[in-house]
Amino acid sequence: MPGENLNDMRNNRIQCGYEDECESLDCFNCPKMIDVKADRITLAEAICIEDFADVDLDMWGKENIKRRDLSQDIMKKLLTRLDW
């Protein structure tokens, strides 16, 4: 369930390029928004989409278990926001 392990998520960051300077302690509630066509998504959501599309998921999941779980929770949150 998204948001279930907030303590784990706050100790883990996705690699978005701003993780070292971001004031938010919680990638699950990323404050940076980007425009995509007719909607806006968070930078964290965009990075998760990119990661899931571009990486070897088997290898990435084994090497980065907590980051994978955080990314999956972010994607589940995005799924609830999408207007299908």
PDB file of N, CA and C in Angstrom:
ATOM      1  N   MET A   1       0.843  -1.182   0.000  1.00  0.00           N
ATOM      2  CA  MET A   1       0.000   0.000   0.000  1.00  0.00           C
ATOM      3  C   MET A   1       0.887   1.243   0.000  1.00  0.00           C
ATOM      4  N   PRO A   2       0.639   2.219  -0.860  1.00  0.00           N
ATOM      5  CA  PRO A   2       1.463   3.416  -0.889  1.00  0.00           C
ATOM      6  C   PRO A   2       1.482   4.116   0.463  1.00  0.00           C
ATOM      7  N   GLY A   3       2.657   4.590   0.831  1.00  0.00           N
ATOM      8  CA  GLY A   3       2.807   5.321   2.074  1.00  0.00           C
ATOM      9  C   GLY A   3       2.929   4.445   3.303  1.00  0.00           C
ATOM     10  N   GLU A   4       2.939   3.128   3.096  1.00  0.00           N
ATOM     11  CA  GLU A   4       2.938   2.190   4.212  1.00  0.00           C
ATOM     12  C   GLU A   4       4.199   2.284   5.060  1.00  0.00           C
ATOM     13  N   ASN A   5       5.346   2.355   4.432  1.00  0.00           N
ATOM     14  CA  ASN A   5       6.614   2.363   5.142  1.00  0.00           C
ATOM     15  C   ASN A   5       7.278   3.731   5.027  1.00  0.00           C
ATOM     16  N   LEU A   6       6.646   4.763   5.573  1.00  0.00           N
ATOM     17  CA  LEU A   6       7.152   6.117   5.413  1.00  0.00           C
ATOM     18  C   LEU A   6       8.542   6.289   5.998  1.00  0.00           C
ATOM     19  N   ASN A   7       8.859   5.605   7.092  1.00  0.00           N
ATOM     20  CA  ASN A   7      10.204   5.732   7.658  1.00  0.00           C
ATOM     21  C   ASN A   7      11.252   5.213   6.698  1.00  0.00           C
ATOM     22  N   ASP A   8      10.982   4.071   6.046  1.00  0.00           N
ATOM     23  CA  ASP A   8      11.906   3.546   5.045  1.00  0.00           C
ATOM     24  C   ASP A   8      12.041   4.512   3.888  1.00  0.00           C
ATOM     25  N   MET A   9      10.914   5.081   3.445  1.00  0.00           N
ATOM     26  CA  MET A   9      10.945   5.978   2.298  1.00  0.00           C
ATOM     27  C   MET A   9      11.729   7.240   2.610  1.00  0.00           C
ATOM     28  N   ARG A  10      11.617   7.739   3.827  1.00  0.00           N
ATOM     29  CA  ARG A  10      12.324   8.972   4.172  1.00  0.00           C
ATOM     30  C   ARG A  10      13.830   8.733   4.271  1.00  0.00           C
ATOM     31  N   ASN A  11      14.235   7.493   4.478  1.00  0.00           N
ATOM     32  CA  ASN A  11      15.656   7.172   4.531  1.00  0.00           C
ATOM     33  C   ASN A  11      16.207   6.797   3.164  1.00  0.00           C
ATOM     34  N   ASN A  12      15.354   6.671   2.187  1.00  0.00           N
ATOM     35  CA  ASN A  12      15.753   6.308   0.827  1.00  0.00           C
ATOM     36  C   ASN A  12      15.355   7.426  -0.111  1.00  0.00           C
ATOM     37  N   ARG A  13      16.170   7.651  -1.098  1.00  0.00           N
ATOM     38  CA  ARG A  13      15.894   8.685  -2.080  1.00  0.00           C
ATOM     39  C   ARG A  13      16.012   8.065  -3.459  1.00  0.00           C
ATOM     40  N   ILE A  14      15.180   8.514  -4.379  1.00  0.00           N
ATOM     41  CA  ILE A  14      15.391   8.120  -5.760  1.00  0.00           C
ATOM     42  C   ILE A  14      16.453   9.042  -6.329  1.00  0.00           C
ATOM     43  N   GLN A  15      17.103   8.633  -7.384  1.00  0.00           N
ATOM     44  CA  GLN A  15      18.164   9.436  -7.980  1.00  0.00           C
ATOM     45  C   GLN A  15      17.574  10.292  -9.093  1.00  0.00           C
ATOM     46  N   CYS A  16      17.154  11.511  -8.732  1.00  0.00           N
ATOM     47  CA  CYS A  16      16.506  12.400  -9.687  1.00  0.00           C
ATOM     48  C   CYS A  16      17.424  13.528 -10.141  1.00  0.00           C
ATOM     49  N   GLY A  17      18.589  13.652  -9.507  1.00  0.00           N
ATOM     50  CA  GLY A  17      19.496  14.735  -9.818  1.00  0.00           C
ATOM     51  C   GLY A  17      19.408  15.870  -8.813  1.00  0.00           C
ATOM     52  N   TYR A  18      18.336  15.916  -8.053  1.00  0.00           N
ATOM     53  CA  TYR A  18      18.150  16.935  -7.026  1.00  0.00           C
ATOM     54  C   TYR A  18      18.178  16.347  -5.616  1.00  0.00           C
ATOM     55  N   GLU A  19      18.416  15.051  -5.493  1.00  0.00           N
ATOM     56  CA  GLU A  19      18.275  14.380  -4.193  1.00  0.00           C
ATOM     57  C   GLU A  19      19.193  14.961  -3.112  1.00  0.00           C
ATOM     58  N   ASP A  20      20.342  15.492  -3.495  1.00  0.00           N
ATOM     59  CA  ASP A  20      21.260  16.033  -2.492  1.00  0.00           C
ATOM     60  C   ASP A  20      20.875  17.434  -2.028  1.00  0.00           C
ATOM     61  N   GLU A  21      20.164  18.174  -2.850  1.00  0.00           N
ATOM     62  CA  GLU A  21      19.801  19.543  -2.489  1.00  0.00           C
ATOM     63  C   GLU A  21      18.316  19.734  -2.216  1.00  0.00           C
ATOM     64  N   CYS A  22      17.525  18.713  -2.390  1.00  0.00           N
ATOM     65  CA  CYS A  22      16.075  18.819  -2.188  1.00  0.00           C
ATOM     66  C   CYS A  22      15.768  18.994  -0.703  1.00  0.00           C
ATOM     67  N   GLU A  23      14.897  19.929  -0.407  1.00  0.00           N
ATOM     68  CA  GLU A  23      14.516  20.177   0.983  1.00  0.00           C
ATOM     69  C   GLU A  23      13.480  19.175   1.486  1.00  0.00           C
ATOM     70  N   SER A  24      12.797  18.505   0.580  1.00  0.00           N
ATOM     71  CA  SER A  24      11.816  17.503   0.972  1.00  0.00           C
ATOM     72  C   SER A  24      12.541  16.257   1.474  1.00  0.00           C
ATOM     73  N   LEU A  25      12.062  15.696   2.553  1.00  0.00           N
ATOM     74  CA  LEU A  25      12.654  14.471   3.092  1.00  0.00           C
ATOM     75  C   LEU A  25      11.934  13.230   2.608  1.00  0.00           C
ATOM     76  N   ASP A  26      10.975  13.411   1.730  1.00  0.00           N
ATOM     77  CA  ASP A  26      10.077  12.327   1.376  1.00  0.00           C
ATOM     78  C   ASP A  26       9.809  12.320  -0.132  1.00  0.00           C
ATOM     79  N   CYS A  27      10.501  11.444  -0.857  1.00  0.00           N
ATOM     80  CA  CYS A  27      10.295  11.373  -2.309  1.00  0.00           C
ATOM     81  C   CYS A  27       8.862  10.966  -2.655  1.00  0.00           C
ATOM     82  N   PHE A  28       8.218  10.241  -1.752  1.00  0.00           N
ATOM     83  CA  PHE A  28       6.832   9.809  -2.000  1.00  0.00           C
ATOM     84  C   PHE A  28       5.929  11.016  -2.206  1.00  0.00           C
ATOM     85  N   ASN A  29       6.223  12.127  -1.526  1.00  0.00           N
ATOM     86  CA  ASN A  29       5.455  13.365  -1.679  1.00  0.00           C
ATOM     87  C   ASN A  29       6.330  14.443  -2.318  1.00  0.00           C
ATOM     88  N   CYS A  30       6.906  14.121  -3.446  1.00  0.00           N
ATOM     89  CA  CYS A  30       7.824  15.009  -4.164  1.00  0.00           C
ATOM     90  C   CYS A  30       7.162  16.356  -4.467  1.00  0.00           C
ATOM     91  N   PRO A  31       7.849  17.467  -4.139  1.00  0.00           N
ATOM     92  CA  PRO A  31       7.271  18.783  -4.384  1.00  0.00           C
ATOM     93  C   PRO A  31       7.531  19.327  -5.790  1.00  0.00           C
ATOM     94  N   LYS A  32       8.462  18.746  -6.528  1.00  0.00           N
ATOM     95  CA  LYS A  32       8.809  19.266  -7.855  1.00  0.00           C
ATOM     96  C   LYS A  32       7.831  18.716  -8.889  1.00  0.00           C
ATOM     97  N   MET A  33       7.187  19.627  -9.607  1.00  0.00           N
ATOM     98  CA  MET A  33       6.216  19.223 -10.621  1.00  0.00           C
ATOM     99  C   MET A  33       6.779  19.497 -12.010  1.00  0.00           C
ATOM    100  N   ILE A  34       6.430  18.628 -12.966  1.00  0.00           N
ATOM    101  CA  ILE A  34       6.798  18.861 -14.359  1.00  0.00           C
ATOM    102  C   ILE A  34       5.551  18.695 -15.211  1.00  0.00           C
ATOM    103  N   ASP A  35       5.515  19.406 -16.327  1.00  0.00           N
ATOM    104  CA  ASP A  35       4.378  19.330 -17.243  1.00  0.00           C
ATOM    105  C   ASP A  35       4.594  18.214 -18.252  1.00  0.00           C
ATOM    106  N   VAL A  36       3.581  17.387 -18.437  1.00  0.00           N
ATOM    107  CA  VAL A  36       3.584  16.366 -19.481  1.00  0.00           C
ATOM    108  C   VAL A  36       2.248  16.440 -20.197  1.00  0.00           C
ATOM    109  N   LYS A  37       2.301  16.820 -21.436  1.00  0.00           N
ATOM    110  CA  LYS A  37       1.097  16.989 -22.255  1.00  0.00           C
ATOM    111  C   LYS A  37       0.017  17.743 -21.498  1.00  0.00           C
ATOM    112  N   ALA A  38      -1.079  17.109 -21.155  1.00  0.00           N
ATOM    113  CA  ALA A  38      -2.224  17.805 -20.557  1.00  0.00           C
ATOM    114  C   ALA A  38      -2.290  17.649 -19.046  1.00  0.00           C
ATOM    115  N   ASP A  39      -1.207  17.230 -18.416  1.00  0.00           N
ATOM    116  CA  ASP A  39      -1.239  16.997 -16.980  1.00  0.00           C
ATOM    117  C   ASP A  39       0.104  17.372 -16.377  1.00  0.00           C
ATOM    118  N   ARG A  40       0.207  17.267 -15.066  1.00  0.00           N
ATOM    119  CA  ARG A  40       1.462  17.488 -14.358  1.00  0.00           C
ATOM    120  C   ARG A  40       1.729  16.283 -13.480  1.00  0.00           C
ATOM    121  N   ILE A  41       2.983  15.870 -13.447  1.00  0.00           N
ATOM    122  CA  ILE A  41       3.392  14.790 -12.556  1.00  0.00           C
ATOM    123  C   ILE A  41       4.586  15.292 -11.762  1.00  0.00           C
ATOM    124  N   THR A  42       4.883  14.615 -10.674  1.00  0.00           N
ATOM    125  CA  THR A  42       6.047  15.021  -9.879  1.00  0.00           C
ATOM    126  C   THR A  42       7.311  14.522 -10.563  1.00  0.00           C
ATOM    127  N   LEU A  43       8.418  15.153 -10.213  1.00  0.00           N
ATOM    128  CA  LEU A  43       9.705  14.708 -10.737  1.00  0.00           C
ATOM    129  C   LEU A  43       9.974  13.270 -10.305  1.00  0.00           C
ATOM    130  N   ALA A  44       9.614  12.929  -9.070  1.00  0.00           N
ATOM    131  CA  ALA A  44       9.819  11.559  -8.584  1.00  0.00           C
ATOM    132  C   ALA A  44       9.050  10.568  -9.460  1.00  0.00           C
ATOM    133  N   GLU A  45       7.822  10.907  -9.829  1.00  0.00           N
ATOM    134  CA  GLU A  45       7.032  10.022 -10.685  1.00  0.00           C
ATOM    135  C   GLU A  45       7.688   9.871 -12.052  1.00  0.00           C
ATOM    136  N   ALA A  46       8.184  10.970 -12.603  1.00  0.00           N
ATOM    137  CA  ALA A  46       8.851  10.912 -13.908  1.00  0.00           C
ATOM    138  C   ALA A  46      10.108  10.053 -13.850  1.00  0.00           C
ATOM    139  N   ILE A  47      10.882  10.183 -12.776  1.00  0.00           N
ATOM    140  CA  ILE A  47      12.107   9.396 -12.629  1.00  0.00           C
ATOM    141  C   ILE A  47      11.775   7.916 -12.492  1.00  0.00           C
ATOM    142  N   CYS A  48      10.719   7.597 -11.756  1.00  0.00           N
ATOM    143  CA  CYS A  48      10.321   6.193 -11.601  1.00  0.00           C
ATOM    144  C   CYS A  48       9.894   5.601 -12.941  1.00  0.00           C
ATOM    145  N   ILE A  49       9.155   6.363 -13.712  1.00  0.00           N
ATOM    146  CA  ILE A  49       8.756   5.898 -15.049  1.00  0.00           C
ATOM    147  C   ILE A  49      10.006   5.632 -15.884  1.00  0.00           C
ATOM    148  N   GLU A  50      10.949   6.563 -15.847  1.00  0.00           N
ATOM    149  CA  GLU A  50      12.188   6.399 -16.604  1.00  0.00           C
ATOM    150  C   GLU A  50      12.961   5.174 -16.128  1.00  0.00           C
ATOM    151  N   ASP A  51      13.093   5.003 -14.802  1.00  0.00           N
ATOM    152  CA  ASP A  51      13.814   3.847 -14.270  1.00  0.00           C
ATOM    153  C   ASP A  51      13.175   2.543 -14.711  1.00  0.00           C
ATOM    154  N   PHE A  52      11.859   2.446 -14.579  1.00  0.00           N
ATOM    155  CA  PHE A  52      11.174   1.205 -14.935  1.00  0.00           C
ATOM    156  C   PHE A  52      11.262   0.929 -16.435  1.00  0.00           C
ATOM    157  N   ALA A  53      11.398   1.969 -17.235  1.00  0.00           N
ATOM    158  CA  ALA A  53      11.470   1.792 -18.683  1.00  0.00           C
ATOM    159  C   ALA A  53      12.884   1.472 -19.162  1.00  0.00           C
ATOM    160  N   ASP A  54      13.904   2.009 -18.470  1.00  0.00           N
ATOM    161  CA  ASP A  54      15.262   1.967 -19.011  1.00  0.00           C
ATOM    162  C   ASP A  54      16.225   1.006 -18.353  1.00  0.00           C
ATOM    163  N   VAL A  55      15.890   0.433 -17.212  1.00  0.00           N
ATOM    164  CA  VAL A  55      16.877  -0.387 -16.509  1.00  0.00           C
ATOM    165  C   VAL A  55      16.537  -1.868 -16.603  1.00  0.00           C
ATOM    166  N   ASP A  56      17.518  -2.684 -16.303  1.00  0.00           N
ATOM    167  CA  ASP A  56      17.318  -4.126 -16.162  1.00  0.00           C
ATOM    168  C   ASP A  56      16.649  -4.319 -14.801  1.00  0.00           C
ATOM    169  N   LEU A  57      15.347  -4.500 -14.789  1.00  0.00           N
ATOM    170  CA  LEU A  57      14.594  -4.517 -13.537  1.00  0.00           C
ATOM    171  C   LEU A  57      15.027  -5.632 -12.595  1.00  0.00           C
ATOM    172  N   ASP A  58      15.404  -6.780 -13.119  1.00  0.00           N
ATOM    173  CA  ASP A  58      15.860  -7.866 -12.254  1.00  0.00           C
ATOM    174  C   ASP A  58      17.116  -7.463 -11.488  1.00  0.00           C
ATOM    175  N   MET A  59      18.093  -6.928 -12.193  1.00  0.00           N
ATOM    176  CA  MET A  59      19.349  -6.521 -11.566  1.00  0.00           C
ATOM    177  C   MET A  59      19.113  -5.321 -10.638  1.00  0.00           C
ATOM    178  N   TRP A  60      18.371  -4.330 -11.101  1.00  0.00           N
ATOM    179  CA  TRP A  60      18.104  -3.121 -10.317  1.00  0.00           C
ATOM    180  C   TRP A  60      17.365  -3.466  -9.029  1.00  0.00           C
ATOM    181  N   GLY A  61      16.393  -4.373  -9.113  1.00  0.00           N
ATOM    182  CA  GLY A  61      15.635  -4.784  -7.943  1.00  0.00           C
ATOM    183  C   GLY A  61      16.479  -5.504  -6.910  1.00  0.00           C
ATOM    184  N   LYS A  62      17.435  -6.282  -7.361  1.00  0.00           N
ATOM    185  CA  LYS A  62      18.309  -6.997  -6.429  1.00  0.00           C
ATOM    186  C   LYS A  62      19.306  -6.059  -5.759  1.00  0.00           C
ATOM    187  N   GLU A  63      19.802  -5.073  -6.498  1.00  0.00           N
ATOM    188  CA  GLU A  63      20.813  -4.167  -5.965  1.00  0.00           C
ATOM    189  C   GLU A  63      20.219  -3.045  -5.120  1.00  0.00           C
ATOM    190  N   ASN A  64      18.986  -2.662  -5.395  1.00  0.00           N
ATOM    191  CA  ASN A  64      18.373  -1.495  -4.756  1.00  0.00           C
ATOM    192  C   ASN A  64      16.978  -1.828  -4.239  1.00  0.00           C
ATOM    193  N   ILE A  65      16.878  -2.767  -3.340  1.00  0.00           N
ATOM    194  CA  ILE A  65      15.568  -3.262  -2.906  1.00  0.00           C
ATOM    195  C   ILE A  65      14.707  -2.150  -2.312  1.00  0.00           C
ATOM    196  N   LYS A  66      15.255  -1.348  -1.405  1.00  0.00           N
ATOM    197  CA  LYS A  66      14.449  -0.291  -0.783  1.00  0.00           C
ATOM    198  C   LYS A  66      14.076   0.790  -1.780  1.00  0.00           C
ATOM    199  N   ARG A  67      14.995   1.146  -2.687  1.00  0.00           N
ATOM    200  CA  ARG A  67      14.682   2.138  -3.706  1.00  0.00           C
ATOM    201  C   ARG A  67      13.633   1.593  -4.677  1.00  0.00           C
ATOM    202  N   ARG A  68      13.726   0.309  -4.983  1.00  0.00           N
ATOM    203  CA  ARG A  68      12.722  -0.310  -5.846  1.00  0.00           C
ATOM    204  C   ARG A  68      11.347  -0.254  -5.196  1.00  0.00           C
ATOM    205  N   ASP A  69      11.279  -0.558  -3.903  1.00  0.00           N
ATOM    206  CA  ASP A  69      10.000  -0.516  -3.193  1.00  0.00           C
ATOM    207  C   ASP A  69       9.441   0.902  -3.157  1.00  0.00           C
ATOM    208  N   LEU A  70      10.302   1.886  -2.902  1.00  0.00           N
ATOM    209  CA  LEU A  70       9.871   3.275  -2.908  1.00  0.00           C
ATOM    210  C   LEU A  70       9.362   3.664  -4.286  1.00  0.00           C
ATOM    211  N   SER A  71      10.095   3.294  -5.330  1.00  0.00           N
ATOM    212  CA  SER A  71       9.682   3.616  -6.691  1.00  0.00           C
ATOM    213  C   SER A  71       8.348   2.966  -7.029  1.00  0.00           C
ATOM    214  N   GLN A  72       8.161   1.733  -6.597  1.00  0.00           N
ATOM    215  CA  GLN A  72       6.903   1.057  -6.862  1.00  0.00           C
ATOM    216  C   GLN A  72       5.749   1.747  -6.135  1.00  0.00           C
ATOM    217  N   ASP A  73       5.969   2.188  -4.904  1.00  0.00           N
ATOM    218  CA  ASP A  73       4.928   2.911  -4.176  1.00  0.00           C
ATOM    219  C   ASP A  73       4.595   4.237  -4.857  1.00  0.00           C
ATOM    220  N   ILE A  74       5.621   4.916  -5.363  1.00  0.00           N
ATOM    221  CA  ILE A  74       5.388   6.169  -6.091  1.00  0.00           C
ATOM    222  C   ILE A  74       4.568   5.898  -7.350  1.00  0.00           C
ATOM    223  N   MET A  75       4.886   4.813  -8.051  1.00  0.00           N
ATOM    224  CA  MET A  75       4.134   4.463  -9.266  1.00  0.00           C
ATOM    225  C   MET A  75       2.688   4.095  -8.926  1.00  0.00           C
ATOM    226  N   LYS A  76       2.471   3.406  -7.821  1.00  0.00           N
ATOM    227  CA  LYS A  76       1.099   3.075  -7.407  1.00  0.00           C
ATOM    228  C   LYS A  76       0.319   4.342  -7.091  1.00  0.00           C
ATOM    229  N   LYS A  77       0.982   5.307  -6.449  1.00  0.00           N
ATOM    230  CA  LYS A  77       0.330   6.590  -6.161  1.00  0.00           C
ATOM    231  C   LYS A  77      -0.035   7.291  -7.468  1.00  0.00           C
ATOM    232  N   LEU A  78       0.886   7.282  -8.436  1.00  0.00           N
ATOM    233  CA  LEU A  78       0.613   7.882  -9.740  1.00  0.00           C
ATOM    234  C   LEU A  78      -0.578   7.191 -10.402  1.00  0.00           C
ATOM    235  N   LEU A  79      -0.637   5.888 -10.306  1.00  0.00           N
ATOM    236  CA  LEU A  79      -1.722   5.139 -10.924  1.00  0.00           C
ATOM    237  C   LEU A  79      -3.084   5.597 -10.400  1.00  0.00           C
ATOM    238  N   THR A  80      -3.149   5.930  -9.110  1.00  0.00           N
ATOM    239  CA  THR A  80      -4.425   6.385  -8.550  1.00  0.00           C
ATOM    240  C   THR A  80      -4.790   7.787  -9.025  1.00  0.00           C
ATOM    241  N   ARG A  81      -3.786   8.564  -9.473  1.00  0.00           N
ATOM    242  CA  ARG A  81      -4.050   9.919  -9.946  1.00  0.00           C
ATOM    243  C   ARG A  81      -4.387   9.992 -11.425  1.00  0.00           C
ATOM    244  N   LEU A  82      -4.084   8.951 -12.164  1.00  0.00           N
ATOM    245  CA  LEU A  82      -4.318   8.973 -13.612  1.00  0.00           C
ATOM    246  C   LEU A  82      -5.807   8.898 -13.923  1.00  0.00           C
ATOM    247  N   ASP A  83      -6.219   9.690 -14.864  1.00  0.00           N
ATOM    248  CA  ASP A  83      -7.612   9.687 -15.313  1.00  0.00           C
ATOM    249  C   ASP A  83      -7.701   8.822 -16.564  1.00  0.00           C
ATOM    250  N   TRP A  84      -8.131   7.596 -16.399  1.00  0.00           N
ATOM    251  CA  TRP A  84      -8.157   6.636 -17.510  1.00  0.00           C
ATOM    252  C   TRP A  84      -9.361   6.830 -18.364  1.00  0.00           C
TER     253      TRP A  84
END
